Amino acid sequence: MIHKNSVVTIAAIIALAASAALAAELHVGPGETYTTIQSAIDAATNGDTVIVADGTYTGDGNRDIDFNGKAITVRSENGAENCIIDCEATADEPHLGFLIFSDGVRIDGFTITQGRPKSDPRSGGISIDGGGIYVHVLSNVVVSNCVVTRNEGDGIDWHAYSVISDCVVSRNGGNGVSLGGGTLRRSKVYRNGLTGVSFGGGKVEDCVIYENGRGVSVTGNGEVLRCKVNNNRGEGIHCT
């Protein structure tokens, strides 16, 4: 006899297997089907993975990268030190690395540099201050193993109940990370022009934060757990 619960479990396993089988990998790089990151994202569907080969990616299609509402993963082939998004932004032509207005996004293993904040009507009046990565009010977004460095404005402007993990955020003109919810964990944040991590909700845990204008600024509810905060020019941790 087959019990009803067993039938449901089997059906769920079959559905998961079918979904995994349908997910595709789209490759970006010289000699690949897609020569820009954006073109691969445009061709992807929910659940797909875009894999970016080693190199420095510049110009249209490799900056202001938009997920177009898709829940997909974009990752480098061999880590952030080998895969660089150079936004080449200027005051007259601002560009940033990633604009995320989609739930279920994963970004893994990129260096993002030389970005400047730019406006976007979808931000709903929220000022976009991030030159590297901007995330709108979302959940289930993960940015991991990235280096966000030498951008004007904030390195990461994060309005999401989601996770940034194992990143290096350094030498950005504004705050290293502006965290409007979610969790920053196991990351190194240093030598940013203003505050290393500024947030008004969420958690900062297991991070090293040093040589910023101010180490950490907490407005309202927020938790700082097991972090090393030292050698900042202003206060280590400022709470209001």
Protein backbone atom coordinates (compact mmCIF):
# COMPACT_ATOMS: atom_id res chain seq x y z
CA MET A 1 0.00 0.00 0.00
CA ILE A 2 1.25 3.51 -0.85
CA HIS A 3 0.22 6.15 1.68
CA LYS A 4 -1.04 9.55 0.61
CA ASN A 5 1.92 11.32 2.27
CA SER A 6 4.33 9.12 0.32
CA VAL A 7 2.63 10.09 -2.94
CA VAL A 8 2.91 13.77 -2.08
CA THR A 9 6.60 13.39 -1.20
CA ILE A 10 7.36 11.53 -4.42
CA ALA A 11 5.54 14.18 -6.44
CA ALA A 12 7.54 16.94 -4.74
CA ILE A 13 10.83 15.17 -5.49
CA ILE A 14 9.86 14.73 -9.13
CA ALA A 15 8.92 18.42 -9.39
CA LEU A 16 12.25 19.51 -7.89
CA ALA A 17 14.17 17.22 -10.21
CA ALA A 18 12.29 18.55 -13.23
CA SER A 19 13.00 22.14 -12.18
CA ALA A 20 16.71 21.41 -11.79
CA ALA A 21 16.79 19.70 -15.17
CA LEU A 22 15.21 22.72 -16.83
CA ALA A 23 17.66 25.23 -15.30
CA ALA A 24 20.31 26.33 -17.78
CA GLU A 25 23.85 27.67 -17.56
CA LEU A 26 24.62 30.64 -19.78
CA HIS A 27 28.28 31.49 -20.32
CA VAL A 28 29.70 34.97 -20.83
CA GLY A 29 33.14 35.74 -22.23
CA PRO A 30 35.29 35.80 -25.33
CA GLY A 31 34.22 33.06 -27.70
CA GLU A 32 31.06 32.34 -25.71
CA THR A 33 27.46 32.72 -26.85
CA TYR A 34 27.12 35.88 -24.77
CA THR A 35 29.71 38.64 -24.81
CA THR A 36 28.09 40.87 -22.16
CA ILE A 37 26.64 40.03 -18.77
CA GLN A 38 23.39 41.84 -19.56
CA SER A 39 22.80 39.89 -22.76
CA ALA A 40 23.03 36.61 -20.84
CA ILE A 41 20.64 37.87 -18.16
CA ASP A 42 18.22 38.99 -20.86
CA ALA A 43 18.23 35.47 -22.30
CA ALA A 44 17.95 33.71 -18.91
CA THR A 45 14.80 32.49 -17.18
CA ASN A 46 14.07 31.93 -13.50
CA GLY A 47 16.43 29.42 -11.95
CA ASP A 48 19.18 29.79 -14.56
CA THR A 49 22.83 30.55 -13.77
CA VAL A 50 24.97 33.03 -15.69
CA ILE A 51 28.68 32.15 -15.46
CA VAL A 52 31.16 34.89 -16.34
CA ALA A 53 34.66 34.02 -17.55
CA ASP A 54 37.82 35.70 -16.28
CA GLY A 55 38.47 39.21 -17.54
CA THR A 56 37.66 42.89 -17.10
CA TYR A 57 34.18 43.79 -18.31
CA THR A 58 33.45 47.36 -19.40
CA GLY A 59 30.94 49.37 -21.40
CA ASP A 60 27.24 49.00 -22.04
CA GLY A 61 25.94 45.58 -21.08
CA ASN A 62 28.56 45.24 -18.36
CA ARG A 63 27.42 48.04 -16.05
CA ASP A 64 24.02 49.17 -14.75
CA ILE A 65 23.31 45.43 -14.87
CA ASP A 66 19.60 44.75 -14.37
CA PHE A 67 17.99 41.41 -13.55
CA ASN A 68 14.68 42.38 -15.16
CA GLY A 69 12.57 40.73 -12.46
CA LYS A 70 14.27 37.35 -12.79
CA ALA A 71 15.33 35.07 -9.94
CA ILE A 72 18.69 33.93 -11.27
CA THR A 73 22.31 33.52 -10.20
CA VAL A 74 25.15 35.49 -11.75
CA ARG A 75 28.59 34.29 -10.72
CA SER A 76 32.16 34.49 -11.86
CA GLU A 77 33.96 31.41 -13.05
CA ASN A 78 37.07 31.83 -10.88
CA GLY A 79 36.44 34.45 -8.22
CA ALA A 80 36.49 38.20 -7.74
CA GLU A 81 40.22 38.65 -8.29
CA ASN A 82 39.80 37.28 -11.81
CA CYS A 83 36.50 38.87 -12.84
CA ILE A 84 36.22 42.66 -12.73
CA ILE A 85 33.31 44.92 -13.60
CA ASP A 86 34.81 48.35 -14.32
CA CYS A 87 31.94 50.81 -14.57
CA GLU A 88 34.16 53.57 -16.02
CA ALA A 89 31.78 56.16 -14.58
CA THR A 90 32.33 59.91 -14.73
CA ALA A 91 30.45 62.84 -13.23
CA ASP A 92 28.79 63.43 -16.61
CA GLU A 93 28.06 59.75 -17.23
CA PRO A 94 27.30 57.98 -13.95
CA HIS A 95 27.06 54.19 -13.96
CA LEU A 96 27.04 51.56 -11.28
CA GLY A 97 27.61 47.82 -11.20
CA PHE A 98 24.32 46.10 -10.37
CA LEU A 99 20.78 47.44 -9.97
CA ILE A 100 18.68 44.80 -8.23
CA PHE A 101 14.90 45.09 -8.27
CA SER A 102 14.25 41.32 -8.30
CA ASP A 103 13.74 38.82 -5.49
CA GLY A 104 15.70 35.58 -5.58
CA VAL A 105 18.89 37.07 -7.05
CA ARG A 106 22.35 35.64 -6.31
CA ILE A 107 25.59 37.47 -7.17
CA ASP A 108 28.86 35.73 -6.43
CA GLY A 109 32.52 36.47 -7.03
CA PHE A 110 32.97 39.85 -8.75
CA THR A 111 35.12 42.92 -8.25
CA ILE A 112 33.02 46.04 -8.87
CA THR A 113 34.85 49.32 -9.24
CA GLN A 114 34.75 52.89 -10.62
CA GLY A 115 30.98 53.29 -10.26
CA ARG A 116 28.94 56.40 -9.45
CA PRO A 117 25.36 56.59 -8.14
CA LYS A 118 22.64 57.28 -10.68
CA SER A 119 18.91 57.76 -10.38
CA ASP A 120 16.32 55.17 -11.36
CA PRO A 121 12.53 55.80 -11.39
CA ARG A 122 11.91 52.34 -9.90
CA SER A 123 13.56 53.35 -6.63
CA GLY A 124 10.28 54.94 -5.57
CA GLY A 125 11.87 58.05 -4.15
CA ILE A 126 14.65 56.19 -2.32
CA SER A 127 17.89 57.96 -3.08
CA ILE A 128 20.36 55.66 -4.81
CA ASP A 129 23.67 56.33 -3.08
CA GLY A 130 25.56 53.19 -4.07
CA GLY A 131 28.14 53.29 -6.82
CA GLY A 132 28.82 49.55 -6.70
CA ILE A 133 25.58 47.71 -5.93
CA TYR A 134 22.07 49.02 -5.31
CA VAL A 135 19.38 46.69 -3.94
CA HIS A 136 15.77 47.88 -3.69
CA VAL A 137 13.25 46.77 -1.05
CA LEU A 138 13.47 43.02 -1.51
CA SER A 139 13.94 39.68 0.21
CA ASN A 140 15.90 36.56 -0.70
CA VAL A 141 18.84 38.33 -2.32
CA VAL A 142 22.40 37.13 -1.62
CA VAL A 143 25.62 38.92 -2.58
CA SER A 144 28.72 36.91 -1.67
CA ASN A 145 32.47 36.78 -2.28
CA CYS A 146 32.56 40.19 -3.96
CA VAL A 147 35.06 43.03 -3.80
CA VAL A 148 33.42 46.46 -3.99
CA THR A 149 36.13 49.11 -4.19
CA ARG A 150 36.94 52.62 -5.38
CA ASN A 151 33.39 53.68 -6.21
CA GLU A 152 32.00 57.17 -5.70
CA GLY A 153 29.20 57.28 -3.15
CA ASP A 154 28.52 54.19 -1.08
CA GLY A 155 30.01 50.87 -2.03
CA ILE A 156 26.77 48.94 -1.42
CA ASP A 157 23.38 50.61 -0.95
CA TRP A 158 21.19 47.84 0.49
CA HIS A 159 17.44 48.09 1.10
CA ALA A 160 16.65 44.40 1.52
CA TYR A 161 15.93 41.74 4.15
CA SER A 162 18.66 39.62 2.66
CA VAL A 163 22.33 38.73 3.06
CA ILE A 164 25.73 40.16 2.11
CA SER A 165 28.46 37.69 3.03
CA ASP A 166 32.20 37.18 2.68
CA CYS A 167 32.76 40.47 0.83
CA VAL A 168 35.47 43.13 0.89
CA VAL A 169 34.20 46.71 0.73
CA SER A 170 36.95 49.31 0.63
CA ARG A 171 38.06 52.73 -0.52
CA ASN A 172 34.62 53.93 -1.59
CA GLY A 173 33.88 57.65 -1.43
CA GLY A 174 30.82 57.43 0.84
CA ASN A 175 29.85 54.71 3.29
CA GLY A 176 31.22 51.26 2.74
CA VAL A 177 27.81 49.63 3.25
CA SER A 178 24.48 51.40 3.85
CA LEU A 179 22.32 48.64 5.25
CA GLY A 180 18.57 49.18 5.35
CA GLY A 181 17.73 45.76 6.76
CA GLY A 182 19.15 42.30 6.29
CA THR A 183 22.50 40.93 7.40
CA LEU A 184 26.14 41.74 6.66
CA ARG A 185 28.36 38.87 7.75
CA ARG A 186 31.96 37.69 7.56
CA SER A 187 33.02 40.76 5.58
CA LYS A 188 35.91 43.21 5.70
CA VAL A 189 35.01 46.91 5.45
CA TYR A 190 37.85 49.42 5.47
CA ARG A 191 39.18 52.79 4.29
CA ASN A 192 35.84 54.15 3.12
CA GLY A 193 35.38 57.92 3.06
CA LEU A 194 32.49 58.13 5.51
CA THR A 195 31.16 55.35 7.76
CA GLY A 196 32.23 51.76 7.31
CA VAL A 197 28.74 50.37 7.94
CA SER A 198 25.71 52.61 8.43
CA PHE A 199 22.43 50.91 9.22
CA GLY A 200 19.02 51.34 10.78
CA GLY A 201 17.92 47.75 11.18
CA GLY A 202 19.35 44.32 10.62
CA LYS A 203 22.57 42.67 11.77
CA VAL A 204 26.29 43.08 11.27
CA GLU A 205 28.08 39.96 12.44
CA ASP A 206 31.58 38.50 12.35
CA CYS A 207 32.98 41.47 10.39
CA VAL A 208 36.23 43.43 10.52
CA ILE A 209 35.69 47.19 10.17
CA TYR A 210 38.63 49.58 10.28
CA GLU A 211 40.20 52.83 9.05
CA ASN A 212 36.91 54.39 7.94
CA GLY A 213 35.65 57.86 8.83
CA ARG A 214 33.47 56.23 11.50
CA GLY A 215 33.36 52.51 12.15
CA VAL A 216 29.67 51.69 12.56
CA SER A 217 26.64 53.98 12.79
CA VAL A 218 23.42 52.42 14.13
CA THR A 219 20.12 54.27 13.95
CA GLY A 220 17.18 52.61 15.68
CA ASN A 221 17.16 48.86 16.02
CA GLY A 222 20.22 46.95 14.90
CA GLU A 223 22.70 44.42 16.19
CA VAL A 224 26.49 44.35 15.98
CA LEU A 225 27.71 40.87 16.89
CA ARG A 226 31.25 39.48 17.20
CA CYS A 227 32.83 42.25 15.11
CA LYS A 228 36.27 43.81 15.33
CA VAL A 229 35.98 47.60 14.95
CA ASN A 230 39.23 49.54 15.30
CA ASN A 231 41.42 52.41 14.06
CA ASN A 232 38.57 54.42 12.58
CA ARG A 233 38.98 58.21 12.46
CA GLY A 234 35.72 58.88 14.33
CA GLU A 235 33.80 56.76 16.82
CA GLY A 236 34.10 53.03 16.62
CA ILE A 237 30.36 52.45 17.08
CA HIS A 238 27.88 55.35 17.16
CA CYS A 239 24.27 54.67 18.23
CA THR A 240 21.29 57.01 17.99
